[in-house]
Amino acid sequence: MKKSQNEIISLVREYEKKLSEASVPFWMDAPDILDILDYYEEHNQYFEAELCMRIAEKLHPGDTEVLVRRAYRMKNEGKWEEAAQYVCRIPDQQSVEVLFFLAEKALAELRLEEADALFQNCLSKEAAFAFEDMDALEQPADVSPLLLDIGEICMDYGCVEMAQKYLSRIAQDSTEAARASLDLAECLYQYGETPKALERLDTLLDANAYNIEAWLMKADLCNENKQWTECAEAADYALAIDPDNEKALRLKACAAIGMNQYDLVLDIFSHYRNLYPNDYTMALSAGEILLNKHRYEEAFEVLRVSNRNCPNENPDKMRILTDIAMTYSARHQMKRAFDTLMGIRSLGMSYADVLFHAASQAFDHHEVAFGKDAVLHAIDTFGLSPEQRLNYARLLCEHNLFGEVSELWERLLKDRESHPVIAAPYLAFAARRLMRIREYKFWLACAIYIDPTLTNAIFRDIYPNCLPQEYLNCAQREFPDAG
């Protein structure tokens, strides 16, 4: 019989009291000590759980449940071979526990037919045990719980077709039916059949409007499908059931972003940050909204928390630090912005990219001298590849920088590579703005040949009602004496 929460807490207190008083391992029944282990795992008390596991092994070295728990703890750490060694010590190698573990191992190794056969064997064993244990007047126990476990483990390994096969066998009148229906909706979504998945969820919600998992999944699917209004509505229903639900708050914020309701996102974040202070993702979104609203001090404080909570190996770390650098550059603290960007080098950003980002941020916030020095340093250090020339020429044009950075344009315009210069449309536009007409005509001819589409996008306001191939004649008529 499953213990109540109060019984578990009393058991944990008794265990900790004995542990503090005893100099050698004390005695506890295996089920009790495993319940204590569950408690520690549920509360993320890793070291306490590991000590409890070791004591369980010492007290009950041959107990099947203890060996199974150790095996799964090893497996969850990615130590499959060590886990398999514990499973080999289980006395009954044809038990459901052993077969289920071996089936999962086969799934992980993509031996799908073998996994399927082992799962079928598990079900046969479970059904046989249930039949043996029942009284004369009882019905055989349902194998739906095991079918659900099999279906969900198949989903974990991406074996959607196999998952559907087992989940669809779950009895509709079983307590697992609602959970299985949720999983089947997820399977439909994985196959790209989102409308059918949503229909299944709506059927579930018609039967039980308080099924928060169904509301959350509906909000999630609508979010993935960019159905922002429906996503927000489903998230609101989930929040009506649980006002502090983390996933519901996040999905409501996603829907608000999709509908450009940025003030609502900030309102959600002000509530969310108090409930989940260690989550970095919502703080990142809020920080970027504050950046776009030019609320740089607030953005910095929020992004700083996001940076603290984001693991270094997470790809978002680079994005967060780039945003933080932007808060510095927006407040004209370019040295700090540059130092922050340099900190990204340890995450894989090249020095050339650091210089480009520094220049871009400097130009964004009218720190032209700093940006110019960054570009000159990049050119002196790395030279000008076709891609770098394109990036810098486009950057300067987009920021409408010409005469004040003539030294940069001198470097960008003067080298004429033997191969096609992909920056030619921007170089032509800059030469015209700088009134370097001979170079203008040269680069315009190159631009028309290399990229007429981009050239048309840049020059159509200068030469309206003309095709790109006519631009050179237009330039000749506009500047007849320049050769």
Protein backbone atom coordinates (compact mmCIF):
# COMPACT_ATOMS: atom_id res chain seq x y z
CA MET A 1 0.00 0.00 0.00
CA LYS A 2 1.35 3.40 -1.00
CA LYS A 3 2.36 5.58 1.95
CA SER A 4 0.86 9.04 2.47
CA GLN A 5 3.00 12.17 2.27
CA ASN A 6 2.94 12.54 6.08
CA GLU A 7 4.06 8.93 6.50
CA ILE A 8 6.94 9.51 4.06
CA ILE A 9 8.06 12.66 5.91
CA SER A 10 7.93 10.80 9.25
CA LEU A 11 9.98 8.00 7.71
CA VAL A 12 12.59 10.45 6.40
CA ARG A 13 12.86 12.07 9.84
CA GLU A 14 13.30 8.68 11.48
CA TYR A 15 15.97 7.75 8.93
CA GLU A 16 17.89 11.02 9.40
CA LYS A 17 17.70 10.67 13.19
CA LYS A 18 19.09 7.13 13.03
CA LEU A 19 21.75 8.25 10.58
CA SER A 20 22.94 11.01 12.90
CA GLU A 21 23.10 8.66 15.88
CA ALA A 22 24.57 5.51 14.38
CA SER A 23 28.26 4.99 13.61
CA VAL A 24 27.49 1.92 11.48
CA PRO A 25 24.65 1.25 9.02
CA PHE A 26 21.37 0.57 10.80
CA TRP A 27 18.56 -1.71 9.68
CA MET A 28 15.62 -0.60 7.57
CA ASP A 29 13.32 -2.60 5.33
CA ALA A 30 14.03 -2.20 1.62
CA PRO A 31 10.61 -0.67 0.72
CA ASP A 32 11.01 1.97 3.45
CA ILE A 33 14.49 3.02 2.45
CA LEU A 34 13.45 3.18 -1.21
CA ASP A 35 10.55 5.46 -0.25
CA ILE A 36 13.10 7.71 1.44
CA LEU A 37 15.21 7.60 -1.72
CA ASP A 38 12.13 8.70 -3.71
CA TYR A 39 11.67 11.62 -1.34
CA TYR A 40 15.22 12.85 -1.80
CA GLU A 41 15.07 12.48 -5.58
CA GLU A 42 11.77 14.37 -5.79
CA HIS A 43 13.31 17.24 -3.80
CA ASN A 44 16.52 17.27 -5.89
CA GLN A 45 18.66 16.38 -2.90
CA TYR A 46 21.32 14.59 -4.92
CA PHE A 47 23.92 13.86 -2.22
CA GLU A 48 21.32 12.68 0.30
CA ALA A 49 19.79 10.42 -2.36
CA GLU A 50 23.18 8.93 -3.26
CA LEU A 51 24.00 8.20 0.40
CA CYS A 52 20.57 6.61 0.85
CA MET A 53 21.17 4.46 -2.24
CA ARG A 54 24.50 3.24 -0.89
CA ILE A 55 22.98 2.37 2.49
CA ALA A 56 20.19 0.46 0.71
CA GLU A 57 22.81 -1.53 -1.22
CA LYS A 58 24.69 -2.40 1.97
CA LEU A 59 21.55 -3.44 3.84
CA HIS A 60 19.92 -5.33 0.93
CA PRO A 61 22.63 -6.29 -1.58
CA GLY A 62 20.49 -8.94 -3.33
CA ASP A 63 17.11 -7.18 -3.27
CA THR A 64 15.62 -6.90 -6.75
CA GLU A 65 14.08 -3.45 -6.23
CA VAL A 66 17.32 -2.05 -4.79
CA LEU A 67 19.33 -3.42 -7.72
CA VAL A 68 16.81 -2.02 -10.19
CA ARG A 69 16.94 1.43 -8.60
CA ARG A 70 20.74 1.48 -8.68
CA ALA A 71 20.71 0.34 -12.30
CA TYR A 72 18.37 3.16 -13.34
CA ARG A 73 20.36 5.74 -11.42
CA MET A 74 23.44 4.62 -13.32
CA LYS A 75 21.54 4.64 -16.60
CA ASN A 76 20.27 8.17 -15.98
CA GLU A 77 23.90 9.27 -15.62
CA GLY A 78 24.66 7.75 -19.02
CA LYS A 79 26.52 4.76 -17.53
CA TRP A 80 24.72 2.02 -19.45
CA GLU A 81 27.36 -0.69 -19.01
CA GLU A 82 27.57 -0.21 -15.24
CA ALA A 83 23.76 -0.24 -15.09
CA ALA A 84 23.65 -3.51 -17.05
CA GLN A 85 26.05 -5.10 -14.56
CA TYR A 86 23.61 -4.37 -11.72
CA VAL A 87 20.73 -5.83 -13.74
CA CYS A 88 22.77 -9.00 -14.28
CA ARG A 89 22.86 -9.48 -10.50
CA ILE A 90 19.06 -9.68 -10.23
CA PRO A 91 18.19 -13.29 -9.30
CA ASP A 92 15.28 -13.73 -11.75
CA GLN A 93 16.62 -12.81 -15.18
CA GLN A 94 13.16 -13.36 -16.71
CA SER A 95 11.44 -10.89 -14.41
CA VAL A 96 9.48 -7.96 -15.81
CA GLU A 97 12.04 -5.54 -14.34
CA VAL A 98 14.95 -7.18 -16.16
CA LEU A 99 13.09 -7.54 -19.45
CA PHE A 100 11.93 -3.91 -19.34
CA PHE A 101 15.48 -2.66 -18.73
CA LEU A 102 16.86 -4.79 -21.57
CA ALA A 103 14.10 -3.53 -23.85
CA GLU A 104 15.01 0.09 -23.10
CA LYS A 105 18.68 -0.69 -23.72
CA ALA A 106 17.72 -2.18 -27.07
CA LEU A 107 15.74 0.99 -27.91
CA ALA A 108 18.75 3.12 -27.05
CA GLU A 109 20.86 1.00 -29.41
CA LEU A 110 18.18 1.12 -32.18
CA ARG A 111 17.57 -2.64 -32.01
CA LEU A 112 13.86 -2.02 -32.42
CA GLU A 113 12.66 -5.53 -33.28
CA GLU A 114 14.46 -6.92 -30.23
CA ALA A 115 13.00 -4.19 -28.03
CA ASP A 116 9.50 -4.92 -29.33
CA ALA A 117 9.89 -8.62 -28.58
CA LEU A 118 11.13 -7.89 -25.05
CA PHE A 119 8.22 -5.54 -24.39
CA GLN A 120 5.79 -8.23 -25.57
CA ASN A 121 7.45 -10.66 -23.19
CA CYS A 122 7.05 -8.12 -20.35
CA LEU A 123 3.33 -7.90 -21.03
CA SER A 124 2.96 -11.68 -21.10
CA LYS A 125 4.77 -11.99 -17.77
CA GLU A 126 2.70 -9.19 -16.21
CA ALA A 127 -0.57 -10.73 -17.36
CA ALA A 128 0.48 -14.15 -16.06
CA PHE A 129 1.39 -12.74 -12.63
CA ALA A 130 -1.91 -10.88 -12.44
CA PHE A 131 -3.84 -14.06 -13.26
CA GLU A 132 -1.96 -16.08 -10.64
CA ASP A 133 -2.57 -13.50 -7.89
CA MET A 134 -6.30 -12.99 -8.38
CA ASP A 135 -9.00 -14.60 -6.28
CA ALA A 136 -11.61 -16.88 -7.82
CA LEU A 137 -14.22 -14.11 -8.07
CA GLU A 138 -11.84 -11.36 -9.29
CA GLN A 139 -11.22 -10.11 -12.80
CA PRO A 140 -7.64 -10.33 -14.09
CA ALA A 141 -5.65 -7.20 -13.31
CA ASP A 142 -5.29 -4.71 -16.15
CA VAL A 143 -1.89 -4.38 -17.86
CA SER A 144 -2.66 -0.77 -18.83
CA PRO A 145 -0.05 0.71 -16.45
CA LEU A 146 2.68 -1.34 -18.13
CA LEU A 147 1.36 -0.48 -21.59
CA LEU A 148 1.55 3.19 -20.64
CA ASP A 149 5.14 2.80 -19.40
CA ILE A 150 6.12 1.03 -22.61
CA GLY A 151 4.42 3.62 -24.81
CA GLU A 152 6.07 6.53 -23.02
CA ILE A 153 9.53 4.99 -23.05
CA CYS A 154 9.15 4.42 -26.80
CA MET A 155 8.24 8.11 -27.20
CA ASP A 156 11.31 9.10 -25.20
CA TYR A 157 13.47 7.36 -27.79
CA GLY A 158 11.57 8.75 -30.76
CA CYS A 159 9.92 5.44 -31.69
CA VAL A 160 6.52 7.01 -32.33
CA GLU A 161 5.01 4.18 -34.36
CA MET A 162 5.87 1.62 -31.68
CA ALA A 163 4.53 3.97 -28.99
CA GLN A 164 1.19 4.27 -30.80
CA LYS A 165 0.92 0.49 -31.02
CA TYR A 166 1.15 0.04 -27.25
CA LEU A 167 -0.74 3.17 -26.19
CA SER A 168 -3.72 2.30 -28.40
CA ARG A 169 -4.09 -1.02 -26.53
CA ILE A 170 -4.80 0.70 -23.20
CA ALA A 171 -8.34 0.04 -21.98
CA GLN A 172 -10.61 3.08 -22.34
CA ASP A 173 -12.10 2.52 -18.89
CA SER A 174 -8.69 2.34 -17.17
CA THR A 175 -7.22 5.11 -15.04
CA GLU A 176 -4.39 5.38 -17.59
CA ALA A 177 -6.74 6.16 -20.51
CA ALA A 178 -6.58 9.97 -20.20
CA ARG A 179 -2.78 9.97 -19.98
CA ALA A 180 -2.58 7.60 -22.96
CA SER A 181 -4.83 9.89 -24.97
CA LEU A 182 -2.48 12.79 -24.24
CA ASP A 183 0.45 10.72 -25.41
CA LEU A 184 -1.39 9.70 -28.57
CA ALA A 185 -2.07 13.39 -29.29
CA GLU A 186 1.68 13.97 -28.99
CA CYS A 187 2.30 11.10 -31.43
CA LEU A 188 -0.09 12.68 -33.93
CA TYR A 189 1.75 15.96 -33.60
CA GLN A 190 5.08 14.23 -34.17
CA TYR A 191 3.68 12.89 -37.45
CA GLY A 192 2.66 16.43 -38.47
CA GLU A 193 -1.05 15.82 -37.91
CA THR A 194 -1.60 18.83 -35.64
CA PRO A 195 -5.35 19.26 -36.41
CA LYS A 196 -6.01 15.63 -35.42
CA ALA A 197 -3.91 16.08 -32.27
CA LEU A 198 -5.92 19.15 -31.31
CA GLU A 199 -9.18 17.27 -31.96
CA ARG A 200 -8.07 14.53 -29.57
CA LEU A 201 -7.19 17.12 -26.93
CA ASP A 202 -10.56 18.84 -27.35
CA THR A 203 -12.29 15.48 -26.82
CA LEU A 204 -10.30 15.00 -23.62
CA LEU A 205 -11.21 18.49 -22.42
CA ASP A 206 -14.88 17.96 -23.22
CA ALA A 207 -14.76 14.98 -20.86
CA ASN A 208 -12.79 16.83 -18.18
CA ALA A 209 -12.34 20.59 -18.41
CA TYR A 210 -9.95 20.47 -15.43
CA ASN A 211 -7.35 18.35 -17.23
CA ILE A 212 -4.48 20.82 -16.92
CA GLU A 213 -2.08 18.60 -18.88
CA ALA A 214 -4.45 18.69 -21.84
CA TRP A 215 -4.71 22.48 -21.68
CA LEU A 216 -0.93 22.77 -21.50
CA MET A 217 -0.43 20.48 -24.46
CA LYS A 218 -3.07 22.35 -26.46
CA ALA A 219 -1.32 25.65 -25.69
CA ASP A 220 2.01 24.08 -26.64
CA LEU A 221 0.74 22.76 -29.98
CA CYS A 222 -0.96 26.06 -30.80
CA ASN A 223 2.27 27.85 -29.98
CA GLU A 224 4.22 25.56 -32.32
CA ASN A 225 1.55 26.15 -34.98
CA LYS A 226 1.68 29.95 -34.44
CA GLN A 227 -2.00 30.02 -33.43
CA TRP A 228 -1.36 32.74 -30.87
CA THR A 229 -4.95 33.50 -29.84
CA GLU A 230 -5.75 29.83 -29.23
CA CYS A 231 -2.44 29.39 -27.39
CA ALA A 232 -3.22 32.29 -25.06
CA GLU A 233 -6.73 30.98 -24.42
CA ALA A 234 -5.51 27.48 -23.55
CA ALA A 235 -2.78 28.92 -21.30
CA ASP A 236 -5.40 31.04 -19.52
CA TYR A 237 -7.53 27.95 -18.82
CA ALA A 238 -4.46 26.18 -17.42
CA LEU A 239 -3.72 29.21 -15.23
CA ALA A 240 -7.30 29.22 -13.97
CA ILE A 241 -6.59 25.72 -12.64
CA ASP A 242 -3.07 26.51 -11.40
CA PRO A 243 -2.26 30.26 -11.32
CA ASP A 244 1.45 29.65 -10.74
CA ASN A 245 2.01 26.94 -13.35
CA GLU A 246 5.44 27.50 -14.90
CA LYS A 247 4.67 26.10 -18.34
CA ALA A 248 1.34 27.94 -18.60
CA LEU A 249 2.99 31.26 -17.76
CA ARG A 250 5.73 30.65 -20.32
CA LEU A 251 3.24 29.71 -23.05
CA LYS A 252 1.09 32.74 -22.28
CA ALA A 253 4.20 34.88 -22.68
CA CYS A 254 5.04 33.14 -25.99
CA ALA A 255 1.54 33.89 -27.28
CA ALA A 256 1.87 37.52 -26.18
CA ILE A 257 5.18 37.81 -28.06
CA GLY A 258 3.52 36.30 -31.13
CA MET A 259 0.78 38.93 -30.93
CA ASN A 260 3.29 41.75 -30.27
CA GLN A 261 1.80 42.34 -26.80
CA TYR A 262 5.15 43.14 -25.24
CA ASP A 263 3.82 44.99 -22.21
CA LEU A 264 1.83 41.87 -21.32
CA VAL A 265 5.04 39.81 -21.55
CA LEU A 266 6.69 42.14 -19.05
CA ASP A 267 3.66 41.85 -16.73
CA ILE A 268 3.86 38.04 -16.90
CA PHE A 269 7.60 38.17 -16.25
CA SER A 270 7.17 40.34 -13.14
CA HIS A 271 5.06 37.51 -11.66
CA TYR A 272 7.11 34.66 -13.13
CA ARG A 273 10.50 35.88 -11.87
CA ASN A 274 9.35 35.64 -8.24
CA LEU A 275 8.09 32.08 -8.68
CA TYR A 276 10.98 30.74 -10.78
CA PRO A 277 14.03 32.93 -10.06
CA ASN A 278 16.49 30.41 -11.51
CA ASP A 279 14.98 30.24 -15.00
CA TYR A 280 16.91 32.24 -17.59
CA THR A 281 14.67 31.94 -20.67
CA MET A 282 11.85 34.27 -19.65
CA ALA A 283 14.40 36.77 -18.35
CA LEU A 284 16.11 36.68 -21.76
CA SER A 285 12.84 37.45 -23.56
CA ALA A 286 11.97 40.23 -21.10
CA GLY A 287 15.47 41.68 -21.34
CA GLU A 288 15.28 41.86 -25.13
CA ILE A 289 11.85 43.52 -24.97
CA LEU A 290 13.27 46.11 -22.58
CA LEU A 291 16.19 46.60 -24.97
CA ASN A 292 13.81 47.28 -27.85
CA LYS A 293 11.93 49.75 -25.64
CA HIS A 294 15.26 51.54 -24.92
CA ARG A 295 14.90 50.82 -21.20
CA TYR A 296 18.57 49.96 -20.99
CA GLU A 297 19.12 50.03 -17.22
CA GLU A 298 16.21 47.66 -16.63
CA ALA A 299 17.31 45.47 -19.53
CA PHE A 300 20.80 45.19 -18.05
CA GLU A 301 19.50 44.08 -14.65
CA VAL A 302 17.20 41.45 -16.16
CA LEU A 303 19.81 40.15 -18.63
CA ARG A 304 22.41 39.96 -15.89
CA VAL A 305 20.16 37.53 -13.99
CA SER A 306 19.54 35.59 -17.21
CA ASN A 307 23.30 35.34 -17.77
CA ARG A 308 23.87 34.09 -14.22
CA ASN A 309 21.34 31.28 -14.61
CA CYS A 310 22.22 30.22 -18.17
CA PRO A 311 24.77 27.35 -18.31
CA ASN A 312 27.98 28.24 -20.14
CA GLU A 313 27.53 25.39 -22.61
CA ASN A 314 24.05 26.61 -23.62
CA PRO A 315 23.93 28.30 -27.07
CA ASP A 316 21.80 31.11 -25.58
CA LYS A 317 24.78 32.24 -23.48
CA MET A 318 26.32 33.98 -26.51
CA ARG A 319 23.03 35.71 -27.28
CA ILE A 320 22.65 36.94 -23.69
CA LEU A 321 26.16 38.38 -23.53
CA THR A 322 25.69 40.09 -26.89
CA ASP A 323 22.51 41.69 -25.53
CA ILE A 324 24.34 42.78 -22.36
CA ALA A 325 27.06 44.35 -24.50
CA MET A 326 24.29 46.24 -26.29
CA THR A 327 23.04 47.69 -22.99
CA TYR A 328 26.54 49.06 -22.41
CA SER A 329 26.94 50.48 -25.90
CA ALA A 330 23.47 52.07 -25.68
CA ARG A 331 24.70 53.92 -22.59
CA HIS A 332 27.91 54.90 -24.42
CA GLN A 333 30.10 52.58 -22.38
CA MET A 334 31.88 51.12 -25.37
CA LYS A 335 34.87 49.82 -23.43
CA ARG A 336 32.58 47.70 -21.26
CA ALA A 337 30.61 46.60 -24.32
CA PHE A 338 33.80 45.48 -26.03
CA ASP A 339 35.06 43.67 -22.91
CA THR A 340 31.72 41.84 -22.69
CA LEU A 341 31.95 40.78 -26.33
CA MET A 342 35.51 39.59 -25.76
CA GLY A 343 34.14 37.38 -22.99
CA ILE A 344 32.17 35.50 -25.64
CA ARG A 345 35.38 34.30 -27.28
CA SER A 346 35.58 31.45 -24.75
CA LEU A 347 32.17 30.33 -26.05
CA GLY A 348 33.37 30.07 -29.64
CA MET A 349 33.00 33.57 -31.12
CA SER A 350 35.97 34.52 -33.27
CA TYR A 351 37.92 37.75 -32.75
CA ALA A 352 36.80 38.90 -36.20
CA ASP A 353 33.16 38.49 -35.16
CA VAL A 354 33.82 40.33 -31.89
CA LEU A 355 35.16 43.29 -33.86
CA PHE A 356 32.21 43.20 -36.25
CA HIS A 357 29.66 43.12 -33.40
CA ALA A 358 31.51 45.90 -31.60
CA ALA A 359 31.47 48.07 -34.72
CA SER A 360 27.79 47.33 -35.37
CA GLN A 361 26.78 48.25 -31.82
CA ALA A 362 28.94 51.37 -31.89
CA PHE A 363 27.31 52.56 -35.12
CA ASP A 364 23.85 51.73 -33.73
CA HIS A 365 24.46 54.18 -30.90
CA HIS A 366 26.39 56.88 -32.76
CA GLU A 367 29.80 55.95 -31.41
CA VAL A 368 31.25 56.38 -34.90
CA ALA A 369 34.90 56.83 -33.89
CA PHE A 370 34.90 53.59 -31.87
CA GLY A 371 33.18 51.69 -34.67
CA LYS A 372 35.57 53.03 -37.29
CA ASP A 373 38.59 51.98 -35.23
CA ALA A 374 37.11 48.48 -34.78
CA VAL A 375 36.62 48.06 -38.54
CA LEU A 376 40.11 49.38 -39.37
CA HIS A 377 41.60 47.01 -36.80
CA ALA A 378 39.66 44.09 -38.31
CA ILE A 379 40.85 44.94 -41.84
CA ASP A 380 44.46 45.35 -40.69
CA THR A 381 44.33 42.08 -38.74
CA PHE A 382 42.34 39.81 -41.06
CA GLY A 383 42.43 41.50 -44.45
CA LEU A 384 39.34 41.71 -46.66
CA SER A 385 37.77 38.49 -47.84
CA PRO A 386 34.79 38.91 -50.23
CA GLU A 387 32.39 38.13 -47.36
CA GLN A 388 34.05 40.57 -44.96
CA ARG A 389 34.01 43.33 -47.56
CA LEU A 390 30.30 42.68 -48.14
CA ASN A 391 29.54 42.72 -44.39
CA TYR A 392 31.38 45.97 -43.71
CA ALA A 393 30.09 47.74 -46.82
CA ARG A 394 26.51 46.76 -46.00
CA LEU A 395 26.98 47.78 -42.35
CA LEU A 396 28.17 51.26 -43.30
CA CYS A 397 25.43 51.76 -45.88
CA GLU A 398 22.72 50.63 -43.46
CA HIS A 399 23.97 53.21 -40.93
CA ASN A 400 24.21 55.93 -43.59
CA LEU A 401 27.91 56.45 -42.89
CA PHE A 402 29.93 57.85 -45.77
CA GLY A 403 31.97 61.06 -45.51
CA GLU A 404 32.61 60.70 -41.79
CA VAL A 405 34.19 57.28 -42.37
CA SER A 406 35.89 58.06 -45.70
CA GLU A 407 39.03 56.30 -44.45
CA LEU A 408 37.06 53.04 -44.29
CA TRP A 409 35.58 53.50 -47.73
CA GLU A 410 39.07 54.19 -49.05
CA ARG A 411 40.06 50.70 -47.94
CA LEU A 412 36.85 49.07 -49.15
CA LEU A 413 36.80 50.70 -52.58
CA LYS A 414 40.40 50.51 -53.62
CA ASP A 415 41.04 46.76 -53.87
CA ARG A 416 39.67 45.27 -57.09
CA GLU A 417 39.73 41.50 -56.76
CA SER A 418 40.16 39.25 -59.76
CA HIS A 419 37.00 37.30 -58.88
CA PRO A 420 33.48 38.83 -58.69
CA VAL A 421 33.11 41.23 -55.76
CA ILE A 422 29.82 40.43 -54.04
CA ALA A 423 29.91 43.79 -52.23
CA ALA A 424 29.72 45.66 -55.57
CA PRO A 425 26.12 47.03 -55.15
CA TYR A 426 27.03 48.62 -51.80
CA LEU A 427 30.38 49.85 -53.11
CA ALA A 428 28.64 51.50 -56.05
CA PHE A 429 26.14 53.22 -53.77
CA ALA A 430 28.91 54.47 -51.48
CA ALA A 431 31.02 55.75 -54.39
CA ARG A 432 28.02 57.74 -55.61
CA ARG A 433 27.40 59.23 -52.16
CA LEU A 434 31.08 60.15 -51.92
CA MET A 435 30.95 61.60 -55.47
CA ARG A 436 33.79 59.36 -56.63
CA ILE A 437 32.21 59.13 -60.05
CA ARG A 438 34.81 57.11 -61.96
CA GLU A 439 34.70 54.43 -59.23
CA TYR A 440 30.93 54.72 -59.10
CA LYS A 441 30.58 53.77 -62.76
CA PHE A 442 33.06 50.92 -62.39
CA TRP A 443 31.32 49.40 -59.36
CA LEU A 444 27.86 49.99 -60.82
CA ALA A 445 28.82 47.97 -63.90
CA CYS A 446 30.10 45.19 -61.60
CA ALA A 447 26.95 45.34 -59.49
CA ILE A 448 24.61 45.00 -62.47
CA TYR A 449 26.54 41.93 -63.62
CA ILE A 450 27.00 40.26 -60.22
CA ASP A 451 23.67 40.88 -58.45
CA PRO A 452 21.04 42.76 -60.47
CA THR A 453 18.30 42.03 -57.89
CA LEU A 454 20.17 43.65 -55.01
CA THR A 455 21.34 46.47 -57.29
CA ASN A 456 17.73 47.17 -58.26
CA ALA A 457 16.69 47.21 -54.58
CA ILE A 458 19.40 49.79 -53.79
CA PHE A 459 19.10 52.03 -56.88
CA ARG A 460 15.42 51.91 -57.83
CA ASP A 461 14.72 55.19 -56.00
CA ILE A 462 17.68 56.83 -57.74
CA TYR A 463 16.73 55.61 -61.21
CA PRO A 464 12.96 55.03 -61.07
CA ASN A 465 11.19 53.35 -63.97
CA CYS A 466 14.47 51.89 -65.24
CA LEU A 467 15.69 48.30 -65.45
CA PRO A 468 19.06 47.44 -63.87
CA GLN A 469 20.70 47.01 -67.28
CA GLU A 470 19.81 50.64 -68.02
CA TYR A 471 21.44 52.03 -64.87
CA LEU A 472 24.87 52.49 -66.45
CA ASN A 473 23.43 54.65 -69.24
CA CYS A 474 21.53 56.62 -66.63
CA ALA A 475 24.74 57.18 -64.69
CA GLN A 476 26.52 58.31 -67.86
CA ARG A 477 23.82 60.87 -68.56
CA GLU A 478 23.85 61.97 -64.91
CA PHE A 479 27.64 62.40 -64.80
CA PRO A 480 28.69 62.94 -68.47
CA ASP A 481 32.12 64.44 -67.84
CA ALA A 482 33.49 61.83 -65.40
CA GLY A 483 34.62 59.27 -67.99
